[in-house]
């Protein structure tokens, strides 16, 4: 059984965001630096880790 852990962090690397967004074929994954800036500047970010 997998345990999913929920986190409220915003310190993702550009490489992590690129890998995540491209894994679901979102074109924004081609702009990891912009994604990192956006995630850092959002007030609330929740993520689920498996």
PDB file of N, CA and C in Angstrom:
ATOM      1  N   UNK A   1       0.835  -1.182   0.000  1.00  0.00           N
ATOM      2  CA  UNK A   1       0.000   0.000   0.000  1.00  0.00           C
ATOM      3  C   UNK A   1       0.880   1.245   0.000  1.00  0.00           C
ATOM      4  N   UNK A   2       0.608   2.144  -0.920  1.00  0.00           N
ATOM      5  CA  UNK A   2       1.379   3.379  -1.000  1.00  0.00           C
ATOM      6  C   UNK A   2       0.801   4.413  -0.052  1.00  0.00           C
ATOM      7  N   UNK A   3       1.686   5.123   0.588  1.00  0.00           N
ATOM      8  CA  UNK A   3       1.269   6.206   1.471  1.00  0.00           C
ATOM      9  C   UNK A   3       1.496   7.524   0.760  1.00  0.00           C
ATOM     10  N   UNK A   4       0.448   8.279   0.591  1.00  0.00           N
ATOM     11  CA  UNK A   4       0.571   9.583  -0.021  1.00  0.00           C
ATOM     12  C   UNK A   4       0.744  10.609   1.089  1.00  0.00           C
ATOM     13  N   UNK A   5       1.757  11.440   0.929  1.00  0.00           N
ATOM     14  CA  UNK A   5       2.074  12.478   1.903  1.00  0.00           C
ATOM     15  C   UNK A   5       1.744  13.820   1.267  1.00  0.00           C
ATOM     16  N   UNK A   6       0.986  14.632   1.971  1.00  0.00           N
ATOM     17  CA  UNK A   6       0.617  15.957   1.486  1.00  0.00           C
ATOM     18  C   UNK A   6       1.534  16.986   2.135  1.00  0.00           C
ATOM     19  N   UNK A   7       2.023  17.908   1.308  1.00  0.00           N
ATOM     20  CA  UNK A   7       2.950  18.927   1.810  1.00  0.00           C
ATOM     21  C   UNK A   7       2.495  20.304   1.344  1.00  0.00           C
ATOM     22  N   UNK A   8       2.840  21.306   2.122  1.00  0.00           N
ATOM     23  CA  UNK A   8       2.550  22.688   1.732  1.00  0.00           C
ATOM     24  C   UNK A   8       3.864  23.450   1.561  1.00  0.00           C
ATOM     25  N   UNK A   9       4.688  22.921   0.667  1.00  0.00           N
ATOM     26  CA  UNK A   9       5.991  23.523   0.402  1.00  0.00           C
ATOM     27  C   UNK A   9       5.975  24.192  -0.973  1.00  0.00           C
ATOM     28  N   UNK A  10       6.928  25.086  -1.166  1.00  0.00           N
ATOM     29  CA  UNK A  10       7.031  25.774  -2.451  1.00  0.00           C
ATOM     30  C   UNK A  10       8.453  25.751  -2.982  1.00  0.00           C
ATOM     31  N   UNK A  11       9.318  24.956  -2.407  1.00  0.00           N
ATOM     32  CA  UNK A  11      10.723  24.975  -2.801  1.00  0.00           C
ATOM     33  C   UNK A  11      11.075  23.833  -3.758  1.00  0.00           C
ATOM     34  N   UNK A  12      10.319  23.716  -4.822  1.00  0.00           N
ATOM     35  CA  UNK A  12      10.595  22.715  -5.847  1.00  0.00           C
ATOM     36  C   UNK A  12      11.752  23.191  -6.710  1.00  0.00           C
ATOM     37  N   UNK A  13      12.510  22.246  -7.258  1.00  0.00           N
ATOM     38  CA  UNK A  13      13.535  22.634  -8.223  1.00  0.00           C
ATOM     39  C   UNK A  13      12.882  22.759  -9.591  1.00  0.00           C
ATOM     40  N   UNK A  14      13.541  23.494 -10.471  1.00  0.00           N
ATOM     41  CA  UNK A  14      13.035  23.643 -11.836  1.00  0.00           C
ATOM     42  C   UNK A  14      12.964  22.273 -12.510  1.00  0.00           C
ATOM     43  N   UNK A  15      13.941  21.416 -12.233  1.00  0.00           N
ATOM     44  CA  UNK A  15      13.964  20.071 -12.838  1.00  0.00           C
ATOM     45  C   UNK A  15      12.785  19.226 -12.357  1.00  0.00           C
ATOM     46  N   UNK A  16      12.444  19.319 -11.077  1.00  0.00           N
ATOM     47  CA  UNK A  16      11.290  18.571 -10.551  1.00  0.00           C
ATOM     48  C   UNK A  16       9.997  19.023 -11.215  1.00  0.00           C
ATOM     49  N   UNK A  17       9.838  20.328 -11.352  1.00  0.00           N
ATOM     50  CA  UNK A  17       8.626  20.867 -11.968  1.00  0.00           C
ATOM     51  C   UNK A  17       8.556  20.507 -13.448  1.00  0.00           C
ATOM     52  N   UNK A  18       9.682  20.577 -14.120  1.00  0.00           N
ATOM     53  CA  UNK A  18       9.729  20.199 -15.532  1.00  0.00           C
ATOM     54  C   UNK A  18       9.302  18.744 -15.713  1.00  0.00           C
ATOM     55  N   UNK A  19       9.874  17.861 -14.917  1.00  0.00           N
ATOM     56  CA  UNK A  19       9.558  16.430 -14.989  1.00  0.00           C
ATOM     57  C   UNK A  19       8.072  16.174 -14.709  1.00  0.00           C
ATOM     58  N   UNK A  20       7.536  16.826 -13.688  1.00  0.00           N
ATOM     59  CA  UNK A  20       6.126  16.649 -13.326  1.00  0.00           C
ATOM     60  C   UNK A  20       5.201  17.130 -14.438  1.00  0.00           C
ATOM     61  N   UNK A  21       5.395  18.347 -14.892  1.00  0.00           N
ATOM     62  CA  UNK A  21       4.487  18.925 -15.886  1.00  0.00           C
ATOM     63  C   UNK A  21       4.576  18.206 -17.222  1.00  0.00           C
ATOM     64  N   UNK A  22       5.787  17.804 -17.625  1.00  0.00           N
ATOM     65  CA  UNK A  22       5.913  17.080 -18.885  1.00  0.00           C
ATOM     66  C   UNK A  22       5.372  15.654 -18.778  1.00  0.00           C
ATOM     67  N   UNK A  23       5.368  15.082 -17.574  1.00  0.00           N
ATOM     68  CA  UNK A  23       4.857  13.713 -17.405  1.00  0.00           C
ATOM     69  C   UNK A  23       3.368  13.635 -17.698  1.00  0.00           C
ATOM     70  N   UNK A  24       2.664  14.760 -17.581  1.00  0.00           N
ATOM     71  CA  UNK A  24       1.229  14.799 -17.888  1.00  0.00           C
ATOM     72  C   UNK A  24       0.971  15.613 -19.162  1.00  0.00           C
ATOM     73  N   UNK A  25       2.055  15.813 -19.913  1.00  0.00           N
ATOM     74  CA  UNK A  25       2.016  16.463 -21.228  1.00  0.00           C
ATOM     75  C   UNK A  25       1.475  17.892 -21.199  1.00  0.00           C
ATOM     76  N   UNK A  26       1.786  18.618 -20.118  1.00  0.00           N
ATOM     77  CA  UNK A  26       1.421  20.029 -20.039  1.00  0.00           C
ATOM     78  C   UNK A  26       2.551  20.836 -20.666  1.00  0.00           C
ATOM     79  N   UNK A  27       2.226  21.659 -21.638  1.00  0.00           N
ATOM     80  CA  UNK A  27       3.247  22.406 -22.373  1.00  0.00           C
ATOM     81  C   UNK A  27       4.040  23.354 -21.474  1.00  0.00           C
ATOM     82  N   UNK A  28       3.470  23.762 -20.368  1.00  0.00           N
ATOM     83  CA  UNK A  28       4.199  24.650 -19.455  1.00  0.00           C
ATOM     84  C   UNK A  28       5.456  23.984 -18.900  1.00  0.00           C
ATOM     85  N   UNK A  29       5.535  22.654 -19.000  1.00  0.00           N
ATOM     86  CA  UNK A  29       6.732  21.938 -18.569  1.00  0.00           C
ATOM     87  C   UNK A  29       7.968  22.300 -19.366  1.00  0.00           C
ATOM     88  N   UNK A  30       7.769  22.928 -20.517  1.00  0.00           N
ATOM     89  CA  UNK A  30       8.898  23.357 -21.341  1.00  0.00           C
ATOM     90  C   UNK A  30       9.523  24.650 -20.824  1.00  0.00           C
ATOM     91  N   UNK A  31       8.956  25.207 -19.772  1.00  0.00           N
ATOM     92  CA  UNK A  31       9.432  26.463 -19.203  1.00  0.00           C
ATOM     93  C   UNK A  31       9.659  26.314 -17.692  1.00  0.00           C
ATOM     94  N   UNK A  32      10.581  25.422 -17.298  1.00  0.00           N
ATOM     95  CA  UNK A  32      10.749  25.111 -15.870  1.00  0.00           C
ATOM     96  C   UNK A  32      11.138  26.305 -15.009  1.00  0.00           C
ATOM     97  N   UNK A  33      11.902  27.239 -15.562  1.00  0.00           N
ATOM     98  CA  UNK A  33      12.298  28.402 -14.754  1.00  0.00           C
ATOM     99  C   UNK A  33      11.085  29.281 -14.436  1.00  0.00           C
ATOM    100  N   UNK A  34      10.187  29.430 -15.404  1.00  0.00           N
ATOM    101  CA  UNK A  34       8.967  30.200 -15.156  1.00  0.00           C
ATOM    102  C   UNK A  34       8.066  29.475 -14.155  1.00  0.00           C
ATOM    103  N   UNK A  35       8.015  28.143 -14.250  1.00  0.00           N
ATOM    104  CA  UNK A  35       7.223  27.366 -13.289  1.00  0.00           C
ATOM    105  C   UNK A  35       7.763  27.548 -11.877  1.00  0.00           C
ATOM    106  N   UNK A  36       9.092  27.505 -11.749  1.00  0.00           N
ATOM    107  CA  UNK A  36       9.694  27.661 -10.425  1.00  0.00           C
ATOM    108  C   UNK A  36       9.363  29.027  -9.846  1.00  0.00           C
ATOM    109  N   UNK A  37       9.439  30.054 -10.663  1.00  0.00           N
ATOM    110  CA  UNK A  37       9.101  31.402 -10.203  1.00  0.00           C
ATOM    111  C   UNK A  37       7.640  31.465  -9.775  1.00  0.00           C
ATOM    112  N   UNK A  38       6.769  30.883 -10.579  1.00  0.00           N
ATOM    113  CA  UNK A  38       5.336  30.900 -10.248  1.00  0.00           C
ATOM    114  C   UNK A  38       5.077  30.166  -8.941  1.00  0.00           C
ATOM    115  N   UNK A  39       5.628  28.979  -8.784  1.00  0.00           N
ATOM    116  CA  UNK A  39       5.391  28.196  -7.563  1.00  0.00           C
ATOM    117  C   UNK A  39       5.945  28.898  -6.335  1.00  0.00           C
ATOM    118  N   UNK A  40       7.056  29.562  -6.491  1.00  0.00           N
ATOM    119  CA  UNK A  40       7.653  30.286  -5.369  1.00  0.00           C
ATOM    120  C   UNK A  40       6.783  31.465  -4.953  1.00  0.00           C
ATOM    121  N   UNK A  41       6.132  32.100  -5.925  1.00  0.00           N
ATOM    122  CA  UNK A  41       5.367  33.315  -5.640  1.00  0.00           C
ATOM    123  C   UNK A  41       3.903  33.077  -5.287  1.00  0.00           C
ATOM    124  N   UNK A  42       3.387  31.868  -5.533  1.00  0.00           N
ATOM    125  CA  UNK A  42       2.008  31.585  -5.121  1.00  0.00           C
ATOM    126  C   UNK A  42       1.928  31.595  -3.605  1.00  0.00           C
ATOM    127  N   UNK A  43       0.851  32.114  -3.076  1.00  0.00           N
ATOM    128  CA  UNK A  43       0.692  32.163  -1.625  1.00  0.00           C
ATOM    129  C   UNK A  43       0.461  30.773  -1.042  1.00  0.00           C
ATOM    130  N   UNK A  44      -0.338  29.953  -1.739  1.00  0.00           N
ATOM    131  CA  UNK A  44      -0.666  28.625  -1.234  1.00  0.00           C
ATOM    132  C   UNK A  44      -0.389  27.572  -2.308  1.00  0.00           C
ATOM    133  N   UNK A  45       0.420  26.591  -1.953  1.00  0.00           N
ATOM    134  CA  UNK A  45       0.726  25.483  -2.856  1.00  0.00           C
ATOM    135  C   UNK A  45       0.642  24.191  -2.029  1.00  0.00           C
ATOM    136  N   UNK A  46      -0.165  23.264  -2.480  1.00  0.00           N
ATOM    137  CA  UNK A  46      -0.234  21.947  -1.841  1.00  0.00           C
ATOM    138  C   UNK A  46       0.195  20.914  -2.866  1.00  0.00           C
ATOM    139  N   UNK A  47       0.928  19.914  -2.413  1.00  0.00           N
ATOM    140  CA  UNK A  47       1.380  18.850  -3.309  1.00  0.00           C
ATOM    141  C   UNK A  47       1.186  17.497  -2.634  1.00  0.00           C
ATOM    142  N   UNK A  48       1.038  16.475  -3.457  1.00  0.00           N
ATOM    143  CA  UNK A  48       0.865  15.102  -2.960  1.00  0.00           C
ATOM    144  C   UNK A  48       2.053  14.274  -3.431  1.00  0.00           C
ATOM    145  N   UNK A  49       2.714  13.604  -2.520  1.00  0.00           N
ATOM    146  CA  UNK A  49       3.920  12.821  -2.812  1.00  0.00           C
ATOM    147  C   UNK A  49       3.678  11.358  -2.544  1.00  0.00           C
ATOM    148  N   UNK A  50       4.081  10.534  -3.502  1.00  0.00           N
ATOM    149  CA  UNK A  50       3.936   9.091  -3.382  1.00  0.00           C
ATOM    150  C   UNK A  50       5.310   8.453  -3.318  1.00  0.00           C
TER     151      UNK A  50
END
